Amino acid sequence: MKDPKRARDLLMALDGEQHLQQQVSEKVLADNVLIAPGSVKPDATFWSALIQDRYNVMTCIEKDACVLVEQDLNSDGQAERILFAFNDDRVIVYGFDSDRKNGTRLI
């Protein structure tokens, strides 16, 4: 099936979310998420934070299905990370606390 969203939806209908959730890992996300030009490739801490929200990042296990963009959305001098899923109607915004070395889902 050529359409990744249809293939994913069919797999979820037949096998449930468990199969896709088992495929989600820090390495898979780091290898498959497209990093936008001008954005810094995140370290393992960020990918680990994404895994906590496994359901929302399942679409990102396919190569270049998602893009990560860094942009200062609230003019605080700290770039937020925005994860766009091309084949889904989701945009997830993550903030990063450099003092605590962890990420937080903002939206």
PDB file of N, CA and C in Angstrom:
ATOM      1  N   MET A   1       0.846  -1.164   0.000  1.00  0.00           N
ATOM      2  CA  MET A   1       0.000   0.000   0.000  1.00  0.00           C
ATOM      3  C   MET A   1       0.896   1.232   0.000  1.00  0.00           C
ATOM      4  N   LYS A   2       0.692   2.124  -0.957  1.00  0.00           N
ATOM      5  CA  LYS A   2       1.578   3.270  -1.124  1.00  0.00           C
ATOM      6  C   LYS A   2       1.324   4.400  -0.129  1.00  0.00           C
ATOM      7  N   ASP A   3       0.086   4.574   0.294  1.00  0.00           N
ATOM      8  CA  ASP A   3      -0.252   5.663   1.204  1.00  0.00           C
ATOM      9  C   ASP A   3       0.074   5.252   2.642  1.00  0.00           C
ATOM     10  N   PRO A   4       1.095   5.875   3.260  1.00  0.00           N
ATOM     11  CA  PRO A   4       1.507   5.457   4.606  1.00  0.00           C
ATOM     12  C   PRO A   4       0.405   5.616   5.658  1.00  0.00           C
ATOM     13  N   LYS A   5      -0.405   6.672   5.533  1.00  0.00           N
ATOM     14  CA  LYS A   5      -1.479   6.874   6.513  1.00  0.00           C
ATOM     15  C   LYS A   5      -2.518   5.764   6.404  1.00  0.00           C
ATOM     16  N   ARG A   6      -2.885   5.390   5.187  1.00  0.00           N
ATOM     17  CA  ARG A   6      -3.853   4.293   5.014  1.00  0.00           C
ATOM     18  C   ARG A   6      -3.284   2.985   5.536  1.00  0.00           C
ATOM     19  N   ALA A   7      -2.018   2.736   5.250  1.00  0.00           N
ATOM     20  CA  ALA A   7      -1.384   1.502   5.734  1.00  0.00           C
ATOM     21  C   ALA A   7      -1.367   1.472   7.258  1.00  0.00           C
ATOM     22  N   ARG A   8      -1.020   2.603   7.870  1.00  0.00           N
ATOM     23  CA  ARG A   8      -0.985   2.682   9.331  1.00  0.00           C
ATOM     24  C   ARG A   8      -2.385   2.497   9.918  1.00  0.00           C
ATOM     25  N   ASP A   9      -3.392   3.154   9.324  1.00  0.00           N
ATOM     26  CA  ASP A   9      -4.772   3.031   9.805  1.00  0.00           C
ATOM     27  C   ASP A   9      -5.275   1.599   9.679  1.00  0.00           C
ATOM     28  N   LEU A  10      -4.946   0.940   8.570  1.00  0.00           N
ATOM     29  CA  LEU A  10      -5.357  -0.450   8.372  1.00  0.00           C
ATOM     30  C   LEU A  10      -4.682  -1.357   9.395  1.00  0.00           C
ATOM     31  N   LEU A  11      -3.394  -1.157   9.609  1.00  0.00           N
ATOM     32  CA  LEU A  11      -2.670  -1.955  10.596  1.00  0.00           C
ATOM     33  C   LEU A  11      -3.254  -1.762  11.991  1.00  0.00           C
ATOM     34  N   MET A  12      -3.601  -0.531  12.321  1.00  0.00           N
ATOM     35  CA  MET A  12      -4.186  -0.266  13.636  1.00  0.00           C
ATOM     36  C   MET A  12      -5.552  -0.929  13.776  1.00  0.00           C
ATOM     37  N   ALA A  13      -6.330  -0.952  12.690  1.00  0.00           N
ATOM     38  CA  ALA A  13      -7.647  -1.586  12.742  1.00  0.00           C
ATOM     39  C   ALA A  13      -7.518  -3.097  12.906  1.00  0.00           C
ATOM     40  N   LEU A  14      -6.534  -3.688  12.243  1.00  0.00           N
ATOM     41  CA  LEU A  14      -6.370  -5.142  12.281  1.00  0.00           C
ATOM     42  C   LEU A  14      -5.601  -5.620  13.507  1.00  0.00           C
ATOM     43  N   ASP A  15      -4.596  -4.872  13.886  1.00  0.00           N
ATOM     44  CA  ASP A  15      -3.685  -5.327  14.934  1.00  0.00           C
ATOM     45  C   ASP A  15      -3.725  -4.456  16.186  1.00  0.00           C
ATOM     46  N   GLY A  16      -4.480  -3.391  16.137  1.00  0.00           N
ATOM     47  CA  GLY A  16      -4.514  -2.479  17.274  1.00  0.00           C
ATOM     48  C   GLY A  16      -3.264  -1.623  17.314  1.00  0.00           C
ATOM     49  N   GLU A  17      -3.195  -0.765  18.285  1.00  0.00           N
ATOM     50  CA  GLU A  17      -2.071   0.160  18.411  1.00  0.00           C
ATOM     51  C   GLU A  17      -0.816  -0.516  18.932  1.00  0.00           C
ATOM     52  N   GLN A  18      -0.939  -1.673  19.529  1.00  0.00           N
ATOM     53  CA  GLN A  18       0.207  -2.305  20.181  1.00  0.00           C
ATOM     54  C   GLN A  18       1.356  -2.556  19.219  1.00  0.00           C
ATOM     55  N   HIS A  19       1.059  -3.005  18.004  1.00  0.00           N
ATOM     56  CA  HIS A  19       2.120  -3.302  17.040  1.00  0.00           C
ATOM     57  C   HIS A  19       2.930  -2.043  16.728  1.00  0.00           C
ATOM     58  N   LEU A  20       2.226  -0.942  16.441  1.00  0.00           N
ATOM     59  CA  LEU A  20       2.934   0.298  16.130  1.00  0.00           C
ATOM     60  C   LEU A  20       3.662   0.849  17.346  1.00  0.00           C
ATOM     61  N   GLN A  21       3.049   0.760  18.516  1.00  0.00           N
ATOM     62  CA  GLN A  21       3.699   1.278  19.715  1.00  0.00           C
ATOM     63  C   GLN A  21       4.972   0.514  20.033  1.00  0.00           C
ATOM     64  N   GLN A  22       5.015  -0.769  19.699  1.00  0.00           N
ATOM     65  CA  GLN A  22       6.224  -1.557  19.935  1.00  0.00           C
ATOM     66  C   GLN A  22       7.361  -1.111  19.025  1.00  0.00           C
ATOM     67  N   GLN A  23       7.030  -0.545  17.861  1.00  0.00           N
ATOM     68  CA  GLN A  23       8.055  -0.107  16.914  1.00  0.00           C
ATOM     69  C   GLN A  23       8.656   1.243  17.291  1.00  0.00           C
ATOM     70  N   VAL A  24       7.977   1.998  18.151  1.00  0.00           N
ATOM     71  CA  VAL A  24       8.448   3.330  18.522  1.00  0.00           C
ATOM     72  C   VAL A  24       9.600   3.213  19.519  1.00  0.00           C
ATOM     73  N   SER A  25      10.731   3.809  19.168  1.00  0.00           N
ATOM     74  CA  SER A  25      11.883   3.849  20.075  1.00  0.00           C
ATOM     75  C   SER A  25      12.640   5.146  19.823  1.00  0.00           C
ATOM     76  N   GLU A  26      13.523   5.494  20.739  1.00  0.00           N
ATOM     77  CA  GLU A  26      14.329   6.697  20.571  1.00  0.00           C
ATOM     78  C   GLU A  26      15.128   6.638  19.276  1.00  0.00           C
ATOM     79  N   LYS A  27      15.723   5.487  19.009  1.00  0.00           N
ATOM     80  CA  LYS A  27      16.547   5.333  17.803  1.00  0.00           C
ATOM     81  C   LYS A  27      15.720   5.476  16.534  1.00  0.00           C
ATOM     82  N   VAL A  28      14.557   4.840  16.501  1.00  0.00           N
ATOM     83  CA  VAL A  28      13.691   4.918  15.319  1.00  0.00           C
ATOM     84  C   VAL A  28      13.288   6.371  15.063  1.00  0.00           C
ATOM     85  N   LEU A  29      12.902   7.082  16.111  1.00  0.00           N
ATOM     86  CA  LEU A  29      12.516   8.485  15.938  1.00  0.00           C
ATOM     87  C   LEU A  29      13.706   9.325  15.482  1.00  0.00           C
ATOM     88  N   ALA A  30      14.856   9.155  16.126  1.00  0.00           N
ATOM     89  CA  ALA A  30      16.045   9.932  15.765  1.00  0.00           C
ATOM     90  C   ALA A  30      16.455   9.681  14.314  1.00  0.00           C
ATOM     91  N   ASP A  31      16.294   8.454  13.845  1.00  0.00           N
ATOM     92  CA  ASP A  31      16.676   8.112  12.475  1.00  0.00           C
ATOM     93  C   ASP A  31      15.666   8.589  11.439  1.00  0.00           C
ATOM     94  N   ASN A  32      14.387   8.669  11.804  1.00  0.00           N
ATOM     95  CA  ASN A  32      13.343   8.904  10.810  1.00  0.00           C
ATOM     96  C   ASN A  32      12.752  10.305  10.789  1.00  0.00           C
ATOM     97  N   VAL A  33      12.837  11.041  11.887  1.00  0.00           N
ATOM     98  CA  VAL A  33      12.281  12.397  11.902  1.00  0.00           C
ATOM     99  C   VAL A  33      13.228  13.330  11.152  1.00  0.00           C
ATOM    100  N   LEU A  34      12.680  14.062  10.208  1.00  0.00           N
ATOM    101  CA  LEU A  34      13.447  15.034   9.434  1.00  0.00           C
ATOM    102  C   LEU A  34      13.713  16.257  10.310  1.00  0.00           C
ATOM    103  N   ILE A  35      14.959  16.687  10.390  1.00  0.00           N
ATOM    104  CA  ILE A  35      15.319  17.877  11.158  1.00  0.00           C
ATOM    105  C   ILE A  35      15.363  19.045  10.176  1.00  0.00           C
ATOM    106  N   ALA A  36      14.551  20.059  10.427  1.00  0.00           N
ATOM    107  CA  ALA A  36      14.459  21.205   9.518  1.00  0.00           C
ATOM    108  C   ALA A  36      15.788  21.950   9.460  1.00  0.00           C
ATOM    109  N   PRO A  37      16.110  22.513   8.298  1.00  0.00           N
ATOM    110  CA  PRO A  37      17.323  23.321   8.189  1.00  0.00           C
ATOM    111  C   PRO A  37      17.305  24.446   9.227  1.00  0.00           C
ATOM    112  N   GLY A  38      18.443  24.659   9.882  1.00  0.00           N
ATOM    113  CA  GLY A  38      18.543  25.680  10.915  1.00  0.00           C
ATOM    114  C   GLY A  38      18.197  25.178  12.305  1.00  0.00           C
ATOM    115  N   SER A  39      17.673  23.964  12.394  1.00  0.00           N
ATOM    116  CA  SER A  39      17.353  23.362  13.689  1.00  0.00           C
ATOM    117  C   SER A  39      18.468  22.407  14.078  1.00  0.00           C
ATOM    118  N   VAL A  40      18.687  22.270  15.372  1.00  0.00           N
ATOM    119  CA  VAL A  40      19.741  21.399  15.885  1.00  0.00           C
ATOM    120  C   VAL A  40      19.158  20.014  16.139  1.00  0.00           C
ATOM    121  N   LYS A  41      19.909  18.986  15.742  1.00  0.00           N
ATOM    122  CA  LYS A  41      19.457  17.621  16.012  1.00  0.00           C
ATOM    123  C   LYS A  41      19.456  17.396  17.522  1.00  0.00           C
ATOM    124  N   PRO A  42      18.309  17.002  18.082  1.00  0.00           N
ATOM    125  CA  PRO A  42      18.218  16.822  19.537  1.00  0.00           C
ATOM    126  C   PRO A  42      19.053  15.651  20.031  1.00  0.00           C
ATOM    127  N   ASP A  43      19.367  15.699  21.322  1.00  0.00           N
ATOM    128  CA  ASP A  43      20.091  14.593  21.940  1.00  0.00           C
ATOM    129  C   ASP A  43      19.101  13.524  22.403  1.00  0.00           C
ATOM    130  N   ALA A  44      19.623  12.483  23.007  1.00  0.00           N
ATOM    131  CA  ALA A  44      18.805  11.339  23.436  1.00  0.00           C
ATOM    132  C   ALA A  44      17.742  11.730  24.459  1.00  0.00           C
ATOM    133  N   THR A  45      18.000  12.765  25.256  1.00  0.00           N
ATOM    134  CA  THR A  45      17.037  13.205  26.265  1.00  0.00           C
ATOM    135  C   THR A  45      15.719  13.618  25.625  1.00  0.00           C
ATOM    136  N   PHE A  46      15.804  14.337  24.520  1.00  0.00           N
ATOM    137  CA  PHE A  46      14.587  14.777  23.833  1.00  0.00           C
ATOM    138  C   PHE A  46      13.811  13.589  23.284  1.00  0.00           C
ATOM    139  N   TRP A  47      14.519  12.665  22.625  1.00  0.00           N
ATOM    140  CA  TRP A  47      13.830  11.501  22.052  1.00  0.00           C
ATOM    141  C   TRP A  47      13.197  10.659  23.161  1.00  0.00           C
ATOM    142  N   SER A  48      13.843  10.569  24.303  1.00  0.00           N
ATOM    143  CA  SER A  48      13.267   9.842  25.441  1.00  0.00           C
ATOM    144  C   SER A  48      11.985  10.513  25.925  1.00  0.00           C
ATOM    145  N   ALA A  49      11.972  11.837  25.924  1.00  0.00           N
ATOM    146  CA  ALA A  49      10.764  12.567  26.330  1.00  0.00           C
ATOM    147  C   ALA A  49       9.629  12.311  25.341  1.00  0.00           C
ATOM    148  N   LEU A  50       9.950  12.230  24.063  1.00  0.00           N
ATOM    149  CA  LEU A  50       8.916  11.942  23.055  1.00  0.00           C
ATOM    150  C   LEU A  50       8.289  10.577  23.276  1.00  0.00           C
ATOM    151  N   ILE A  51       9.089   9.614  23.661  1.00  0.00           N
ATOM    152  CA  ILE A  51       8.603   8.247  23.855  1.00  0.00           C
ATOM    153  C   ILE A  51       7.538   8.195  24.947  1.00  0.00           C
ATOM    154  N   GLN A  52       7.578   9.115  25.888  1.00  0.00           N
ATOM    155  CA  GLN A  52       6.566   9.141  26.945  1.00  0.00           C
ATOM    156  C   GLN A  52       5.174   9.399  26.374  1.00  0.00           C
ATOM    157  N   ASP A  53       5.124   9.998  25.204  1.00  0.00           N
ATOM    158  CA  ASP A  53       3.872  10.317  24.524  1.00  0.00           C
ATOM    159  C   ASP A  53       3.753   9.446  23.270  1.00  0.00           C
ATOM    160  N   ARG A  54       3.958   8.168  23.458  1.00  0.00           N
ATOM    161  CA  ARG A  54       4.078   7.190  22.381  1.00  0.00           C
ATOM    162  C   ARG A  54       2.960   7.277  21.331  1.00  0.00           C
ATOM    163  N   TYR A  55       1.723   7.425  21.778  1.00  0.00           N
ATOM    164  CA  TYR A  55       0.594   7.447  20.844  1.00  0.00           C
ATOM    165  C   TYR A  55       0.730   8.585  19.837  1.00  0.00           C
ATOM    166  N   ASN A  56       1.156   9.754  20.292  1.00  0.00           N
ATOM    167  CA  ASN A  56       1.238  10.916  19.412  1.00  0.00           C
ATOM    168  C   ASN A  56       2.429  10.892  18.467  1.00  0.00           C
ATOM    169  N   VAL A  57       3.396  10.047  18.702  1.00  0.00           N
ATOM    170  CA  VAL A  57       4.560  10.007  17.812  1.00  0.00           C
ATOM    171  C   VAL A  57       4.610   8.743  16.954  1.00  0.00           C
ATOM    172  N   MET A  58       3.566   7.916  17.009  1.00  0.00           N
ATOM    173  CA  MET A  58       3.564   6.684  16.203  1.00  0.00           C
ATOM    174  C   MET A  58       3.702   6.970  14.716  1.00  0.00           C
ATOM    175  N   THR A  59       3.136   8.080  14.251  1.00  0.00           N
ATOM    176  CA  THR A  59       3.234   8.397  12.828  1.00  0.00           C
ATOM    177  C   THR A  59       4.667   8.696  12.412  1.00  0.00           C
ATOM    178  N   CYS A  60       5.523   9.021  13.360  1.00  0.00           N
ATOM    179  CA  CYS A  60       6.896   9.427  13.051  1.00  0.00           C
ATOM    180  C   CYS A  60       7.861   8.256  12.881  1.00  0.00           C
ATOM    181  N   ILE A  61       7.374   7.021  12.968  1.00  0.00           N
ATOM    182  CA  ILE A  61       8.277   5.884  12.783  1.00  0.00           C
ATOM    183  C   ILE A  61       8.587   5.657  11.311  1.00  0.00           C
ATOM    184  N   GLU A  62       7.826   6.291  10.422  1.00  0.00           N
ATOM    185  CA  GLU A  62       8.092   6.189   8.989  1.00  0.00           C
ATOM    186  C   GLU A  62       9.074   7.291   8.595  1.00  0.00           C
ATOM    187  N   LYS A  63       9.988   6.983   7.703  1.00  0.00           N
ATOM    188  CA  LYS A  63      11.025   7.926   7.271  1.00  0.00           C
ATOM    189  C   LYS A  63      10.399   9.201   6.709  1.00  0.00           C
ATOM    190  N   ASP A  64      10.823  10.349   7.239  1.00  0.00           N
ATOM    191  CA  ASP A  64      10.397  11.678   6.798  1.00  0.00           C
ATOM    192  C   ASP A  64       8.890  11.908   6.889  1.00  0.00           C
ATOM    193  N   ALA A  65       8.192  11.167   7.752  1.00  0.00           N
ATOM    194  CA  ALA A  65       6.755  11.393   7.967  1.00  0.00           C
ATOM    195  C   ALA A  65       6.538  12.586   8.893  1.00  0.00           C
ATOM    196  N   CYS A  66       7.580  12.968   9.629  1.00  0.00           N
ATOM    197  CA  CYS A  66       7.498  14.093  10.561  1.00  0.00           C
ATOM    198  C   CYS A  66       8.726  14.982  10.380  1.00  0.00           C
ATOM    199  N   VAL A  67       8.550  16.240  10.707  1.00  0.00           N
ATOM    200  CA  VAL A  67       9.676  17.176  10.684  1.00  0.00           C
ATOM    201  C   VAL A  67       9.717  17.896  12.029  1.00  0.00           C
ATOM    202  N   LEU A  68      10.924  18.105  12.520  1.00  0.00           N
ATOM    203  CA  LEU A  68      11.136  18.814  13.779  1.00  0.00           C
ATOM    204  C   LEU A  68      11.732  20.182  13.463  1.00  0.00           C
ATOM    205  N   VAL A  69      11.068  21.220  13.954  1.00  0.00           N
ATOM    206  CA  VAL A  69      11.482  22.597  13.708  1.00  0.00           C
ATOM    207  C   VAL A  69      11.722  23.268  15.055  1.00  0.00           C
ATOM    208  N   GLU A  70      12.793  24.042  15.146  1.00  0.00           N
ATOM    209  CA  GLU A  70      13.044  24.836  16.353  1.00  0.00           C
ATOM    210  C   GLU A  70      12.708  26.291  16.053  1.00  0.00           C
ATOM    211  N   GLN A  71      11.908  26.884  16.944  1.00  0.00           N
ATOM    212  CA  GLN A  71      11.532  28.278  16.775  1.00  0.00           C
ATOM    213  C   GLN A  71      11.147  28.850  18.135  1.00  0.00           C
ATOM    214  N   ASP A  72      11.542  30.086  18.383  1.00  0.00           N
ATOM    215  CA  ASP A  72      11.172  30.756  19.633  1.00  0.00           C
ATOM    216  C   ASP A  72       9.755  31.302  19.463  1.00  0.00           C
ATOM    217  N   LEU A  73       8.781  30.590  19.980  1.00  0.00           N
ATOM    218  CA  LEU A  73       7.375  30.949  19.784  1.00  0.00           C
ATOM    219  C   LEU A  73       6.883  32.027  20.738  1.00  0.00           C
ATOM    220  N   ASN A  74       7.516  32.168  21.886  1.00  0.00           N
ATOM    221  CA  ASN A  74       7.018  33.113  22.888  1.00  0.00           C
ATOM    222  C   ASN A  74       8.029  34.208  23.242  1.00  0.00           C
ATOM    223  N   SER A  75       9.027  34.390  22.404  1.00  0.00           N
ATOM    224  CA  SER A  75      10.024  35.463  22.551  1.00  0.00           C
ATOM    225  C   SER A  75      10.726  35.467  23.906  1.00  0.00           C
ATOM    226  N   ASP A  76      10.984  34.278  24.440  1.00  0.00           N
ATOM    227  CA  ASP A  76      11.703  34.193  25.714  1.00  0.00           C
ATOM    228  C   ASP A  76      13.190  33.900  25.511  1.00  0.00           C
ATOM    229  N   GLY A  77      13.619  33.854  24.260  1.00  0.00           N
ATOM    230  CA  GLY A  77      15.018  33.569  23.966  1.00  0.00           C
ATOM    231  C   GLY A  77      15.342  32.087  23.927  1.00  0.00           C
ATOM    232  N   GLN A  78      14.370  31.241  24.189  1.00  0.00           N
ATOM    233  CA  GLN A  78      14.546  29.778  24.205  1.00  0.00           C
ATOM    234  C   GLN A  78      13.696  29.179  23.081  1.00  0.00           C
ATOM    235  N   ALA A  79      14.314  28.429  22.194  1.00  0.00           N
ATOM    236  CA  ALA A  79      13.576  27.826  21.084  1.00  0.00           C
ATOM    237  C   ALA A  79      12.717  26.663  21.567  1.00  0.00           C
ATOM    238  N   GLU A  80      11.470  26.649  21.123  1.00  0.00           N
ATOM    239  CA  GLU A  80      10.605  25.499  21.343  1.00  0.00           C
ATOM    240  C   GLU A  80      10.776  24.570  20.149  1.00  0.00           C
ATOM    241  N   ARG A  81      10.513  23.304  20.366  1.00  0.00           N
ATOM    242  CA  ARG A  81      10.609  22.321  19.282  1.00  0.00           C
ATOM    243  C   ARG A  81       9.199  21.957  18.853  1.00  0.00           C
ATOM    244  N   ILE A  82       8.949  22.073  17.562  1.00  0.00           N
ATOM    245  CA  ILE A  82       7.629  21.801  17.014  1.00  0.00           C
ATOM    246  C   ILE A  82       7.740  20.565  16.139  1.00  0.00           C
ATOM    247  N   LEU A  83       6.938  19.570  16.453  1.00  0.00           N
ATOM    248  CA  LEU A  83       6.941  18.319  15.701  1.00  0.00           C
ATOM    249  C   LEU A  83       5.702  18.293  14.813  1.00  0.00           C
ATOM    250  N   PHE A  84       5.912  18.336  13.504  1.00  0.00           N
ATOM    251  CA  PHE A  84       4.830  18.285  12.530  1.00  0.00           C
ATOM    252  C   PHE A  84       4.755  16.875  11.961  1.00  0.00           C
ATOM    253  N   ALA A  85       3.563  16.313  11.934  1.00  0.00           N
ATOM    254  CA  ALA A  85       3.332  15.014  11.297  1.00  0.00           C
ATOM    255  C   ALA A  85       2.619  15.280   9.974  1.00  0.00           C
ATOM    256  N   PHE A  86       3.275  14.980   8.855  1.00  0.00           N
ATOM    257  CA  PHE A  86       2.724  15.294   7.541  1.00  0.00           C
ATOM    258  C   PHE A  86       1.448  14.522   7.221  1.00  0.00           C
ATOM    259  N   ASN A  87       1.375  13.267   7.607  1.00  0.00           N
ATOM    260  CA  ASN A  87       0.230  12.428   7.249  1.00  0.00           C
ATOM    261  C   ASN A  87      -0.830  12.381   8.337  1.00  0.00           C
ATOM    262  N   ASP A  88      -0.797  13.340   9.218  1.00  0.00           N
ATOM    263  CA  ASP A  88      -1.716  13.371  10.343  1.00  0.00           C
ATOM    264  C   ASP A  88      -2.082  14.831  10.581  1.00  0.00           C
ATOM    265  N   ASP A  89      -3.112  15.058  11.312  1.00  0.00           N
ATOM    266  CA  ASP A  89      -3.530  16.429  11.592  1.00  0.00           C
ATOM    267  C   ASP A  89      -3.017  16.890  12.944  1.00  0.00           C
ATOM    268  N   ARG A  90      -1.768  16.608  13.251  1.00  0.00           N
ATOM    269  CA  ARG A  90      -1.210  16.963  14.554  1.00  0.00           C
ATOM    270  C   ARG A  90       0.018  17.850  14.421  1.00  0.00           C
ATOM    271  N   VAL A  91       0.111  18.742  15.372  1.00  0.00           N
ATOM    272  CA  VAL A  91       1.320  19.522  15.586  1.00  0.00           C
ATOM    273  C   VAL A  91       1.546  19.485  17.088  1.00  0.00           C
ATOM    274  N   ILE A  92       2.712  19.073  17.515  1.00  0.00           N
ATOM    275  CA  ILE A  92       3.017  18.977  18.939  1.00  0.00           C
ATOM    276  C   ILE A  92       4.178  19.917  19.233  1.00  0.00           C
ATOM    277  N   VAL A  93       4.018  20.751  20.247  1.00  0.00           N
ATOM    278  CA  VAL A  93       5.049  21.719  20.612  1.00  0.00           C
ATOM    279  C   VAL A  93       5.681  21.281  21.926  1.00  0.00           C
ATOM    280  N   TYR A  94       7.016  21.245  21.944  1.00  0.00           N
ATOM    281  CA  TYR A  94       7.773  20.860  23.136  1.00  0.00           C
ATOM    282  C   TYR A  94       8.658  22.010  23.567  1.00  0.00           C
ATOM    283  N   GLY A  95       8.679  22.261  24.861  1.00  0.00           N
ATOM    284  CA  GLY A  95       9.617  23.208  25.437  1.00  0.00           C
ATOM    285  C   GLY A  95      10.763  22.417  26.046  1.00  0.00           C
ATOM    286  N   PHE A  96      11.898  23.049  26.216  1.00  0.00           N
ATOM    287  CA  PHE A  96      13.045  22.353  26.780  1.00  0.00           C
ATOM    288  C   PHE A  96      13.646  23.209  27.873  1.00  0.00           C
ATOM    289  N   ASP A  97      13.767  22.654  29.046  1.00  0.00           N
ATOM    290  CA  ASP A  97      14.371  23.344  30.184  1.00  0.00           C
ATOM    291  C   ASP A  97      15.842  22.939  30.244  1.00  0.00           C
ATOM    292  N   SER A  98      16.712  23.835  29.800  1.00  0.00           N
ATOM    293  CA  SER A  98      18.139  23.492  29.733  1.00  0.00           C
ATOM    294  C   SER A  98      18.749  23.307  31.121  1.00  0.00           C
ATOM    295  N   ASP A  99      18.186  23.946  32.140  1.00  0.00           N
ATOM    296  CA  ASP A  99      18.704  23.771  33.501  1.00  0.00           C
ATOM    297  C   ASP A  99      18.407  22.373  34.032  1.00  0.00           C
ATOM    298  N   ARG A 100      17.203  21.888  33.758  1.00  0.00           N
ATOM    299  CA  ARG A 100      16.813  20.566  34.253  1.00  0.00           C
ATOM    300  C   ARG A 100      17.092  19.462  33.238  1.00  0.00           C
ATOM    301  N   LYS A 101      17.481  19.846  32.030  1.00  0.00           N
ATOM    302  CA  LYS A 101      17.816  18.880  30.974  1.00  0.00           C
ATOM    303  C   LYS A 101      16.638  17.957  30.645  1.00  0.00           C
ATOM    304  N   ASN A 102      15.432  18.547  30.564  1.00  0.00           N
ATOM    305  CA  ASN A 102      14.300  17.722  30.170  1.00  0.00           C
ATOM    306  C   ASN A 102      13.349  18.511  29.286  1.00  0.00           C
ATOM    307  N   GLY A 103      12.502  17.792  28.597  1.00  0.00           N
ATOM    308  CA  GLY A 103      11.530  18.405  27.707  1.00  0.00           C
ATOM    309  C   GLY A 103      10.127  18.239  28.255  1.00  0.00           C
ATOM    310  N   THR A 104       9.249  19.148  27.856  1.00  0.00           N
ATOM    311  CA  THR A 104       7.868  19.116  28.298  1.00  0.00           C
ATOM    312  C   THR A 104       6.966  19.396  27.113  1.00  0.00           C
ATOM    313  N   ARG A 105       5.921  18.608  26.977  1.00  0.00           N
ATOM    314  CA  ARG A 105       4.956  18.873  25.922  1.00  0.00           C
ATOM    315  C   ARG A 105       4.161  20.105  26.320  1.00  0.00           C
ATOM    316  N   LEU A 106       4.119  21.101  25.435  1.00  0.00           N
ATOM    317  CA  LEU A 106       3.418  22.341  25.734  1.00  0.00           C
ATOM    318  C   LEU A 106       2.015  22.352  25.138  1.00  0.00           C
ATOM    319  N   ILE A 107       1.868  21.810  23.955  1.00  0.00           N
ATOM    320  CA  ILE A 107       0.561  21.772  23.281  1.00  0.00           C
ATOM    321  C   ILE A 107       0.350  20.394  22.710  1.00  0.00           C
TER     322      ILE A 107
END
